[in-house]
Full PDB file with SEQRES, HELIX, SHEET, SSBOND, CRYST1, ORIGX, SCALE, CONECT and MASTER records, all heavy atoms in Angstrom:
SEQRES   1 A   36  HIS THR GLN ALA LYS HIS VAL ALA ARG HIS GLY ARG ARG          
SEQRES   2 A   36  TRP MET VAL LEU ALA LEU TRP THR PRO LEU ALA ILE GLY          
SEQRES   3 A   36  LEU TYR CYS LEU GLY VAL TRP ILE MET LEU                      
HELIX    1 AA1 THR A    2  VAL A    7  1                                   6    
HELIX    2 AA2 HIS A   10  ARG A   12  5                                   3    
HELIX    3 AA3 ARG A   13  MET A   35  1                                  23    
CRYST1    1.000    1.000    1.000  90.00  90.00  90.00 P 1           1          
ORIGX1      1.000000  0.000000  0.000000        0.00000                         
ORIGX2      0.000000  1.000000  0.000000        0.00000                         
ORIGX3      0.000000  0.000000  1.000000        0.00000                         
SCALE1      1.000000  0.000000  0.000000        0.00000                         
SCALE2      0.000000  1.000000  0.000000        0.00000                         
SCALE3      0.000000  0.000000  1.000000        0.00000                         
ATOM      1  N   HIS A   1      -3.342  19.928  66.752  1.00  0.00           N  
ATOM      2  CA  HIS A   1      -4.396  19.807  65.777  1.00  0.00           C  
ATOM      3  C   HIS A   1      -4.610  18.328  65.362  1.00  0.00           C  
ATOM      4  O   HIS A   1      -5.717  17.795  65.278  1.00  0.00           O  
ATOM      5  CB  HIS A   1      -4.105  20.572  64.542  1.00  0.00           C  
ATOM      6  CG  HIS A   1      -5.196  20.732  63.637  1.00  0.00           C  
ATOM      7  ND1 HIS A   1      -5.333  19.787  62.537  1.00  0.00           N  
ATOM      8  CD2 HIS A   1      -6.270  21.527  63.476  1.00  0.00           C  
ATOM      9  CE1 HIS A   1      -6.400  20.117  61.803  1.00  0.00           C  
ATOM     10  NE2 HIS A   1      -7.054  21.063  62.385  1.00  0.00           N  
ATOM     11  N   THR A   2      -3.443  17.584  65.183  1.00  0.00           N  
ATOM     12  CA  THR A   2      -3.574  16.178  64.788  1.00  0.00           C  
ATOM     13  C   THR A   2      -4.255  15.436  65.892  1.00  0.00           C  
ATOM     14  O   THR A   2      -5.020  14.443  65.640  1.00  0.00           O  
ATOM     15  CB  THR A   2      -2.107  15.660  64.456  1.00  0.00           C  
ATOM     16  OG1 THR A   2      -1.538  16.479  63.399  1.00  0.00           O  
ATOM     17  CG2 THR A   2      -2.161  14.248  63.947  1.00  0.00           C  
ATOM     18  N   GLN A   3      -3.761  15.541  67.103  1.00  0.00           N  
ATOM     19  CA  GLN A   3      -4.277  14.758  68.247  1.00  0.00           C  
ATOM     20  C   GLN A   3      -5.789  15.138  68.442  1.00  0.00           C  
ATOM     21  O   GLN A   3      -6.579  14.213  68.778  1.00  0.00           O  
ATOM     22  CB  GLN A   3      -3.484  15.074  69.447  1.00  0.00           C  
ATOM     23  CG  GLN A   3      -2.084  14.485  69.502  1.00  0.00           C  
ATOM     24  CD  GLN A   3      -2.142  12.931  69.320  1.00  0.00           C  
ATOM     25  OE1 GLN A   3      -2.922  12.332  70.008  1.00  0.00           O  
ATOM     26  NE2 GLN A   3      -1.305  12.404  68.471  1.00  0.00           N  
ATOM     27  N   ALA A   4      -6.129  16.419  68.344  1.00  0.00           N  
ATOM     28  CA  ALA A   4      -7.583  16.726  68.565  1.00  0.00           C  
ATOM     29  C   ALA A   4      -8.422  16.105  67.438  1.00  0.00           C  
ATOM     30  O   ALA A   4      -9.582  15.703  67.740  1.00  0.00           O  
ATOM     31  CB  ALA A   4      -7.627  18.244  68.521  1.00  0.00           C  
ATOM     32  N   LYS A   5      -7.905  15.980  66.213  1.00  0.00           N  
ATOM     33  CA  LYS A   5      -8.648  15.274  65.193  1.00  0.00           C  
ATOM     34  C   LYS A   5      -8.835  13.979  65.425  1.00  0.00           C  
ATOM     35  O   LYS A   5      -9.934  13.346  65.231  1.00  0.00           O  
ATOM     36  CB  LYS A   5      -7.860  15.506  63.883  1.00  0.00           C  
ATOM     37  CG  LYS A   5      -8.569  15.028  62.623  1.00  0.00           C  
ATOM     38  CD  LYS A   5      -8.022  15.560  61.331  1.00  0.00           C  
ATOM     39  CE  LYS A   5      -6.498  15.293  61.290  1.00  0.00           C  
ATOM     40  NZ  LYS A   5      -5.906  15.648  59.982  1.00  0.00           N  
ATOM     41  N   HIS A   6      -7.872  13.218  65.995  1.00  0.00           N  
ATOM     42  CA  HIS A   6      -8.015  11.806  66.319  1.00  0.00           C  
ATOM     43  C   HIS A   6      -8.849  11.497  67.600  1.00  0.00           C  
ATOM     44  O   HIS A   6      -9.456  10.463  67.655  1.00  0.00           O  
ATOM     45  CB  HIS A   6      -6.697  11.180  66.411  1.00  0.00           C  
ATOM     46  CG  HIS A   6      -5.889  11.044  65.053  1.00  0.00           C  
ATOM     47  ND1 HIS A   6      -6.443  10.359  63.923  1.00  0.00           N  
ATOM     48  CD2 HIS A   6      -4.810  11.644  64.687  1.00  0.00           C  
ATOM     49  CE1 HIS A   6      -5.575  10.501  63.021  1.00  0.00           C  
ATOM     50  NE2 HIS A   6      -4.594  11.295  63.338  1.00  0.00           N  
ATOM     51  N   VAL A   7      -8.689  12.325  68.563  1.00  0.00           N  
ATOM     52  CA  VAL A   7      -9.257  12.066  69.877  1.00  0.00           C  
ATOM     53  C   VAL A   7     -10.696  12.505  70.013  1.00  0.00           C  
ATOM     54  O   VAL A   7     -11.580  11.755  70.421  1.00  0.00           O  
ATOM     55  CB  VAL A   7      -8.493  12.810  71.002  1.00  0.00           C  
ATOM     56  CG1 VAL A   7      -9.069  12.610  72.385  1.00  0.00           C  
ATOM     57  CG2 VAL A   7      -7.032  12.099  71.081  1.00  0.00           C  
ATOM     58  N   ALA A   8     -10.929  13.784  69.590  1.00  0.00           N  
ATOM     59  CA  ALA A   8     -12.266  14.270  69.817  1.00  0.00           C  
ATOM     60  C   ALA A   8     -13.206  14.033  68.612  1.00  0.00           C  
ATOM     61  O   ALA A   8     -12.738  13.830  67.500  1.00  0.00           O  
ATOM     62  CB  ALA A   8     -12.176  15.863  70.043  1.00  0.00           C  
ATOM     63  N   ARG A   9     -14.473  13.870  68.902  1.00  0.00           N  
ATOM     64  CA  ARG A   9     -15.410  13.530  67.934  1.00  0.00           C  
ATOM     65  C   ARG A   9     -16.303  14.760  67.531  1.00  0.00           C  
ATOM     66  O   ARG A   9     -16.680  15.504  68.427  1.00  0.00           O  
ATOM     67  CB  ARG A   9     -16.314  12.416  68.383  1.00  0.00           C  
ATOM     68  CG  ARG A   9     -15.561  11.081  68.595  1.00  0.00           C  
ATOM     69  CD  ARG A   9     -16.449  10.091  69.010  1.00  0.00           C  
ATOM     70  NE  ARG A   9     -15.680   8.839  69.271  1.00  0.00           N  
ATOM     71  CZ  ARG A   9     -15.887   8.052  70.338  1.00  0.00           C  
ATOM     72  NH1 ARG A   9     -16.845   8.304  71.198  1.00  0.00           N  
ATOM     73  NH2 ARG A   9     -15.117   6.969  70.467  1.00  0.00           N  
ATOM     74  N   HIS A  10     -16.632  14.830  66.335  1.00  0.00           N  
ATOM     75  CA  HIS A  10     -17.585  15.863  65.763  1.00  0.00           C  
ATOM     76  C   HIS A  10     -17.081  17.277  66.223  1.00  0.00           C  
ATOM     77  O   HIS A  10     -16.043  17.755  65.939  1.00  0.00           O  
ATOM     78  CB  HIS A  10     -18.945  15.580  66.216  1.00  0.00           C  
ATOM     79  CG  HIS A  10     -19.432  14.262  65.870  1.00  0.00           C  
ATOM     80  ND1 HIS A  10     -19.514  13.786  64.540  1.00  0.00           N  
ATOM     81  CD2 HIS A  10     -19.709  13.106  66.664  1.00  0.00           C  
ATOM     82  CE1 HIS A  10     -19.864  12.568  64.592  1.00  0.00           C  
ATOM     83  NE2 HIS A  10     -19.969  12.057  65.744  1.00  0.00           N  
ATOM     84  N   GLY A  11     -17.908  18.072  66.947  1.00  0.00           N  
ATOM     85  CA  GLY A  11     -17.602  19.438  67.201  1.00  0.00           C  
ATOM     86  C   GLY A  11     -16.737  19.669  68.479  1.00  0.00           C  
ATOM     87  O   GLY A  11     -16.347  20.721  68.789  1.00  0.00           O  
ATOM     88  N   ARG A  12     -16.427  18.483  69.136  1.00  0.00           N  
ATOM     89  CA  ARG A  12     -15.640  18.656  70.288  1.00  0.00           C  
ATOM     90  C   ARG A  12     -14.086  18.907  70.058  1.00  0.00           C  
ATOM     91  O   ARG A  12     -13.287  19.207  70.877  1.00  0.00           O  
ATOM     92  CB  ARG A  12     -15.751  17.336  71.139  1.00  0.00           C  
ATOM     93  CG  ARG A  12     -17.104  17.269  71.753  1.00  0.00           C  
ATOM     94  CD  ARG A  12     -17.209  16.186  72.685  1.00  0.00           C  
ATOM     95  NE  ARG A  12     -16.257  16.429  73.672  1.00  0.00           N  
ATOM     96  CZ  ARG A  12     -16.400  16.090  74.962  1.00  0.00           C  
ATOM     97  NH1 ARG A  12     -17.579  15.636  75.377  1.00  0.00           N  
ATOM     98  NH2 ARG A  12     -15.497  16.310  75.865  1.00  0.00           N  
ATOM     99  N   ARG A  13     -13.740  18.756  68.776  1.00  0.00           N  
ATOM    100  CA  ARG A  13     -12.314  18.897  68.305  1.00  0.00           C  
ATOM    101  C   ARG A  13     -11.865  20.351  68.683  1.00  0.00           C  
ATOM    102  O   ARG A  13     -10.786  20.689  69.135  1.00  0.00           O  
ATOM    103  CB  ARG A  13     -12.115  18.664  66.926  1.00  0.00           C  
ATOM    104  CG  ARG A  13     -10.761  18.969  66.414  1.00  0.00           C  
ATOM    105  CD  ARG A  13     -10.481  18.519  65.060  1.00  0.00           C  
ATOM    106  NE  ARG A  13     -11.310  19.195  64.120  1.00  0.00           N  
ATOM    107  CZ  ARG A  13     -11.106  19.211  62.794  1.00  0.00           C  
ATOM    108  NH1 ARG A  13     -10.057  18.498  62.337  1.00  0.00           N  
ATOM    109  NH2 ARG A  13     -11.855  19.766  61.947  1.00  0.00           N  
ATOM    110  N   TRP A  14     -12.750  21.362  68.383  1.00  0.00           N  
ATOM    111  CA  TRP A  14     -12.425  22.677  68.673  1.00  0.00           C  
ATOM    112  C   TRP A  14     -12.375  23.077  70.074  1.00  0.00           C  
ATOM    113  O   TRP A  14     -11.590  23.958  70.496  1.00  0.00           O  
ATOM    114  CB  TRP A  14     -13.412  23.732  67.919  1.00  0.00           C  
ATOM    115  CG  TRP A  14     -13.344  23.416  66.432  1.00  0.00           C  
ATOM    116  CD1 TRP A  14     -14.331  22.773  65.694  1.00  0.00           C  
ATOM    117  CD2 TRP A  14     -12.227  23.663  65.576  1.00  0.00           C  
ATOM    118  NE1 TRP A  14     -13.868  22.725  64.400  1.00  0.00           N  
ATOM    119  CE2 TRP A  14     -12.613  23.210  64.254  1.00  0.00           C  
ATOM    120  CE3 TRP A  14     -11.012  24.210  65.723  1.00  0.00           C  
ATOM    121  CZ2 TRP A  14     -11.755  23.295  63.238  1.00  0.00           C  
ATOM    122  CZ3 TRP A  14     -10.163  24.332  64.655  1.00  0.00           C  
ATOM    123  CH2 TRP A  14     -10.546  23.813  63.358  1.00  0.00           C  
ATOM    124  N   MET A  15     -13.104  22.308  70.920  1.00  0.00           N  
ATOM    125  CA  MET A  15     -13.010  22.463  72.396  1.00  0.00           C  
ATOM    126  C   MET A  15     -11.762  21.987  72.913  1.00  0.00           C  
ATOM    127  O   MET A  15     -11.121  22.688  73.702  1.00  0.00           O  
ATOM    128  CB  MET A  15     -14.244  21.691  73.073  1.00  0.00           C  
ATOM    129  CG  MET A  15     -14.400  22.008  74.514  1.00  0.00           C  
ATOM    130  SD  MET A  15     -15.658  21.081  75.346  1.00  0.00           S  
ATOM    131  CE  MET A  15     -16.967  21.618  74.516  1.00  0.00           C  
ATOM    132  N   VAL A  16     -11.229  20.950  72.410  1.00  0.00           N  
ATOM    133  CA  VAL A  16      -9.876  20.407  72.749  1.00  0.00           C  
ATOM    134  C   VAL A  16      -8.860  21.415  72.327  1.00  0.00           C  
ATOM    135  O   VAL A  16      -7.926  21.731  73.159  1.00  0.00           O  
ATOM    136  CB  VAL A  16      -9.601  19.054  72.185  1.00  0.00           C  
ATOM    137  CG1 VAL A  16      -8.233  18.644  72.384  1.00  0.00           C  
ATOM    138  CG2 VAL A  16     -10.562  17.982  72.708  1.00  0.00           C  
ATOM    139  N   LEU A  17      -8.974  21.942  71.093  1.00  0.00           N  
ATOM    140  CA  LEU A  17      -7.987  22.935  70.643  1.00  0.00           C  
ATOM    141  C   LEU A  17      -8.071  24.240  71.526  1.00  0.00           C  
ATOM    142  O   LEU A  17      -7.004  24.845  71.761  1.00  0.00           O  
ATOM    143  CB  LEU A  17      -8.223  23.255  69.190  1.00  0.00           C  
ATOM    144  CG  LEU A  17      -7.747  22.183  68.278  1.00  0.00           C  
ATOM    145  CD1 LEU A  17      -8.119  22.620  66.786  1.00  0.00           C  
ATOM    146  CD2 LEU A  17      -6.263  22.023  68.231  1.00  0.00           C  
ATOM    147  N   ALA A  18      -9.282  24.639  71.882  1.00  0.00           N  
ATOM    148  CA  ALA A  18      -9.427  25.816  72.698  1.00  0.00           C  
ATOM    149  C   ALA A  18      -8.751  25.695  74.041  1.00  0.00           C  
ATOM    150  O   ALA A  18      -8.392  26.656  74.722  1.00  0.00           O  
ATOM    151  CB  ALA A  18     -10.874  26.242  72.847  1.00  0.00           C  
ATOM    152  N   LEU A  19      -8.708  24.483  74.600  1.00  0.00           N  
ATOM    153  CA  LEU A  19      -8.145  24.267  75.883  1.00  0.00           C  
ATOM    154  C   LEU A  19      -6.620  24.304  75.829  1.00  0.00           C  
ATOM    155  O   LEU A  19      -5.937  24.704  76.765  1.00  0.00           O  
ATOM    156  CB  LEU A  19      -8.616  22.982  76.487  1.00  0.00           C  
ATOM    157  CG  LEU A  19     -10.046  22.887  76.965  1.00  0.00           C  
ATOM    158  CD1 LEU A  19     -10.530  21.521  77.339  1.00  0.00           C  
ATOM    159  CD2 LEU A  19     -10.306  23.923  78.054  1.00  0.00           C  
ATOM    160  N   TRP A  20      -6.021  23.610  74.813  1.00  0.00           N  
ATOM    161  CA  TRP A  20      -4.538  23.379  74.808  1.00  0.00           C  
ATOM    162  C   TRP A  20      -3.805  24.424  74.063  1.00  0.00           C  
ATOM    163  O   TRP A  20      -2.567  24.683  74.319  1.00  0.00           O  
ATOM    164  CB  TRP A  20      -4.236  22.023  74.257  1.00  0.00           C  
ATOM    165  CG  TRP A  20      -4.650  20.984  75.244  1.00  0.00           C  
ATOM    166  CD1 TRP A  20      -5.779  20.142  75.173  1.00  0.00           C  
ATOM    167  CD2 TRP A  20      -3.911  20.617  76.453  1.00  0.00           C  
ATOM    168  NE1 TRP A  20      -5.786  19.302  76.191  1.00  0.00           N  
ATOM    169  CE2 TRP A  20      -4.701  19.596  77.015  1.00  0.00           C  
ATOM    170  CE3 TRP A  20      -2.787  20.961  77.015  1.00  0.00           C  
ATOM    171  CZ2 TRP A  20      -4.180  18.936  78.202  1.00  0.00           C  
ATOM    172  CZ3 TRP A  20      -2.344  20.351  78.153  1.00  0.00           C  
ATOM    173  CH2 TRP A  20      -3.131  19.387  78.741  1.00  0.00           C  
ATOM    174  N   THR A  21      -4.462  25.060  73.060  1.00  0.00           N  
ATOM    175  CA  THR A  21      -3.704  26.078  72.231  1.00  0.00           C  
ATOM    176  C   THR A  21      -3.226  27.257  73.072  1.00  0.00           C  
ATOM    177  O   THR A  21      -2.086  27.682  72.969  1.00  0.00           O  
ATOM    178  CB  THR A  21      -4.553  26.519  71.018  1.00  0.00           C  
ATOM    179  OG1 THR A  21      -4.847  25.387  70.315  1.00  0.00           O  
ATOM    180  CG2 THR A  21      -3.857  27.552  70.236  1.00  0.00           C  
ATOM    181  N   PRO A  22      -4.060  27.796  73.985  1.00  0.00           N  
ATOM    182  CA  PRO A  22      -3.529  28.859  74.871  1.00  0.00           C  
ATOM    183  C   PRO A  22      -2.322  28.480  75.693  1.00  0.00           C  
ATOM    184  O   PRO A  22      -1.410  29.343  75.946  1.00  0.00           O  
ATOM    185  CB  PRO A  22      -4.773  29.312  75.681  1.00  0.00           C  
ATOM    186  CG  PRO A  22      -5.920  28.859  74.924  1.00  0.00           C  
ATOM    187  CD  PRO A  22      -5.440  27.597  74.236  1.00  0.00           C  
ATOM    188  N   LEU A  23      -2.276  27.274  76.146  1.00  0.00           N  
ATOM    189  CA  LEU A  23      -1.124  26.772  76.920  1.00  0.00           C  
ATOM    190  C   LEU A  23       0.091  26.791  76.131  1.00  0.00           C  
ATOM    191  O   LEU A  23       1.160  27.241  76.542  1.00  0.00           O  
ATOM    192  CB  LEU A  23      -1.389  25.376  77.479  1.00  0.00           C  
ATOM    193  CG  LEU A  23      -0.232  24.768  78.237  1.00  0.00           C  
ATOM    194  CD1 LEU A  23       0.000  25.594  79.497  1.00  0.00           C  
ATOM    195  CD2 LEU A  23      -0.516  23.295  78.519  1.00  0.00           C  
ATOM    196  N   ALA A  24       0.002  26.322  74.863  1.00  0.00           N  
ATOM    197  CA  ALA A  24       1.155  26.226  73.946  1.00  0.00           C  
ATOM    198  C   ALA A  24       1.665  27.655  73.593  1.00  0.00           C  
ATOM    199  O   ALA A  24       2.851  27.972  73.659  1.00  0.00           O  
ATOM    200  CB  ALA A  24       0.829  25.498  72.659  1.00  0.00           C  
ATOM    201  N   ILE A  25       0.701  28.557  73.312  1.00  0.00           N  
ATOM    202  CA  ILE A  25       1.063  29.927  73.078  1.00  0.00           C  
ATOM    203  C   ILE A  25       1.650  30.652  74.282  1.00  0.00           C  
ATOM    204  O   ILE A  25       2.563  31.481  74.192  1.00  0.00           O  
ATOM    205  CB  ILE A  25      -0.117  30.718  72.422  1.00  0.00           C  
ATOM    206  CG1 ILE A  25      -0.511  30.168  71.078  1.00  0.00           C  
ATOM    207  CG2 ILE A  25       0.169  32.173  72.385  1.00  0.00           C  
ATOM    208  CD1 ILE A  25      -1.804  30.669  70.453  1.00  0.00           C  
ATOM    209  N   GLY A  26       1.065  30.397  75.456  1.00  0.00           N  
ATOM    210  CA  GLY A  26       1.574  30.908  76.698  1.00  0.00           C  
ATOM    211  C   GLY A  26       3.005  30.455  76.950  1.00  0.00           C  
ATOM    212  O   GLY A  26       3.802  31.295  77.426  1.00  0.00           O  
ATOM    213  N   LEU A  27       3.282  29.247  76.830  1.00  0.00           N  
ATOM    214  CA  LEU A  27       4.612  28.756  76.938  1.00  0.00           C  
ATOM    215  C   LEU A  27       5.645  29.325  75.999  1.00  0.00           C  
ATOM    216  O   LEU A  27       6.724  29.634  76.338  1.00  0.00           O  
ATOM    217  CB  LEU A  27       4.664  27.187  76.954  1.00  0.00           C  
ATOM    218  CG  LEU A  27       3.998  26.471  78.147  1.00  0.00           C  
ATOM    219  CD1 LEU A  27       3.951  24.969  77.820  1.00  0.00           C  
ATOM    220  CD2 LEU A  27       4.762  26.735  79.324  1.00  0.00           C  
ATOM    221  N   TYR A  28       5.176  29.561  74.754  1.00  0.00           N  
ATOM    222  CA  TYR A  28       5.969  30.207  73.775  1.00  0.00           C  
ATOM    223  C   TYR A  28       6.357  31.621  74.269  1.00  0.00           C  
ATOM    224  O   TYR A  28       7.499  32.021  74.171  1.00  0.00           O  
ATOM    225  CB  TYR A  28       5.246  30.241  72.407  1.00  0.00           C  
ATOM    226  CG  TYR A  28       5.883  31.125  71.383  1.00  0.00           C  
ATOM    227  CD1 TYR A  28       7.037  30.739  70.708  1.00  0.00           C  
ATOM    228  CD2 TYR A  28       5.362  32.370  71.143  1.00  0.00           C  
ATOM    229  CE1 TYR A  28       7.641  31.656  69.793  1.00  0.00           C  
ATOM    230  CE2 TYR A  28       5.935  33.254  70.257  1.00  0.00           C  
ATOM    231  CZ  TYR A  28       7.111  32.798  69.565  1.00  0.00           C  
ATOM    232  OH  TYR A  28       7.661  33.660  68.637  1.00  0.00           O  
ATOM    233  N   CYS A  29       5.293  32.368  74.632  1.00  0.00           N  
ATOM    234  CA  CYS A  29       5.545  33.716  75.058  1.00  0.00           C  
ATOM    235  C   CYS A  29       6.529  33.754  76.313  1.00  0.00           C  
ATOM    236  O   CYS A  29       7.307  34.605  76.399  1.00  0.00           O  
ATOM    237  CB  CYS A  29       4.184  34.434  75.410  1.00  0.00           C  
ATOM    238  SG  CYS A  29       3.198  34.655  73.964  1.00  0.00           S  
ATOM    239  N   LEU A  30       6.362  32.811  77.198  1.00  0.00           N  
ATOM    240  CA  LEU A  30       7.212  32.717  78.397  1.00  0.00           C  
ATOM    241  C   LEU A  30       8.573  32.487  77.914  1.00  0.00           C  
ATOM    242  O   LEU A  30       9.558  33.076  78.488  1.00  0.00           O  
ATOM    243  CB  LEU A  30       6.702  31.653  79.368  1.00  0.00           C  
ATOM    244  CG  LEU A  30       7.423  31.499  80.643  1.00  0.00           C  
ATOM    245  CD1 LEU A  30       7.338  32.784  81.506  1.00  0.00           C  
ATOM    246  CD2 LEU A  30       6.973  30.289  81.363  1.00  0.00           C  
ATOM    247  N   GLY A  31       8.824  31.535  76.934  1.00  0.00           N  
ATOM    248  CA  GLY A  31      10.095  31.269  76.468  1.00  0.00           C  
ATOM    249  C   GLY A  31      10.758  32.420  75.808  1.00  0.00           C  
ATOM    250  O   GLY A  31      11.999  32.710  76.037  1.00  0.00           O  
ATOM    251  N   VAL A  32      10.044  33.275  74.997  1.00  0.00           N  
ATOM    252  CA  VAL A  32      10.520  34.467  74.333  1.00  0.00           C  
ATOM    253  C   VAL A  32      10.938  35.502  75.491  1.00  0.00           C  
ATOM    254  O   VAL A  32      12.035  36.089  75.424  1.00  0.00           O  
ATOM    255  CB  VAL A  32       9.503  35.019  73.409  1.00  0.00           C  
ATOM    256  CG1 VAL A  32      10.013  36.442  72.951  1.00  0.00           C  
ATOM    257  CG2 VAL A  32       9.366  34.061  72.210  1.00  0.00           C  
ATOM    258  N   TRP A  33      10.056  35.572  76.443  1.00  0.00           N  
ATOM    259  CA  TRP A  33      10.284  36.650  77.612  1.00  0.00           C  
ATOM    260  C   TRP A  33      11.608  36.180  78.276  1.00  0.00           C  
ATOM    261  O   TRP A  33      12.525  37.039  78.624  1.00  0.00           O  
ATOM    262  CB  TRP A  33       9.218  36.613  78.519  1.00  0.00           C  
ATOM    263  CG  TRP A  33       9.353  37.585  79.654  1.00  0.00           C  
ATOM    264  CD1 TRP A  33       9.408  38.971  79.609  1.00  0.00           C  
ATOM    265  CD2 TRP A  33       9.660  37.204  81.036  1.00  0.00           C  
ATOM    266  NE1 TRP A  33       9.627  39.425  80.860  1.00  0.00           N  
ATOM    267  CE2 TRP A  33       9.741  38.404  81.765  1.00  0.00           C  
ATOM    268  CE3 TRP A  33       9.671  36.066  81.655  1.00  0.00           C  
ATOM    269  CZ2 TRP A  33      10.045  38.426  83.145  1.00  0.00           C  
ATOM    270  CZ3 TRP A  33       9.962  36.004  82.970  1.00  0.00           C  
ATOM    271  CH2 TRP A  33      10.103  37.128  83.749  1.00  0.00           C  
ATOM    272  N   ILE A  34      11.782  34.933  78.668  1.00  0.00           N  
ATOM    273  CA  ILE A  34      12.927  34.452  79.430  1.00  0.00           C  
ATOM    274  C   ILE A  34      14.158  34.686  78.519  1.00  0.00           C  
ATOM    275  O   ILE A  34      15.291  35.055  78.985  1.00  0.00           O  
ATOM    276  CB  ILE A  34      12.771  33.022  79.845  1.00  0.00           C  
ATOM    277  CG1 ILE A  34      11.810  32.930  80.927  1.00  0.00           C  
ATOM    278  CG2 ILE A  34      14.164  32.461  80.207  1.00  0.00           C  
ATOM    279  CD1 ILE A  34      11.386  31.509  81.283  1.00  0.00           C  
ATOM    280  N   MET A  35      14.150  34.322  77.261  1.00  0.00           N  
ATOM    281  CA  MET A  35      15.292  34.488  76.389  1.00  0.00           C  
ATOM    282  C   MET A  35      15.743  35.889  76.176  1.00  0.00           C  
ATOM    283  O   MET A  35      16.901  36.165  76.019  1.00  0.00           O  
ATOM    284  CB  MET A  35      14.943  33.816  75.018  1.00  0.00           C  
ATOM    285  CG  MET A  35      16.172  33.638  74.154  1.00  0.00           C  
ATOM    286  SD  MET A  35      15.768  33.537  72.457  1.00  0.00           S  
ATOM    287  CE  MET A  35      15.210  35.141  72.135  1.00  0.00           C  
ATOM    288  N   LEU A  36      14.833  36.849  76.164  1.00  0.00           N  
ATOM    289  CA  LEU A  36      15.164  38.224  75.990  1.00  0.00           C  
ATOM    290  C   LEU A  36      15.657  38.929  77.295  1.00  0.00           C  
ATOM    291  O   LEU A  36      15.931  40.096  77.240  1.00  0.00           O  
ATOM    292  CB  LEU A  36      14.011  38.991  75.343  1.00  0.00           C  
ATOM    293  CG  LEU A  36      13.678  38.565  73.895  1.00  0.00           C  
ATOM    294  CD1 LEU A  36      12.461  39.242  73.414  1.00  0.00           C  
ATOM    295  CD2 LEU A  36      14.872  38.719  73.038  1.00  0.00           C  
TER     296      LEU A  36                                                      
MASTER        0    0    0    3    0    0    0    6  295    1    0    3          
END                                                                             
């Protein structure tokens, strides 16, 4: 969120978040699956 606020301008911030947030959540889910 912090990087998207500094890098993207105007309405593009949500586009940056929409691209990278699923990757972070996917890696989290993968980590939980591997740990269990």
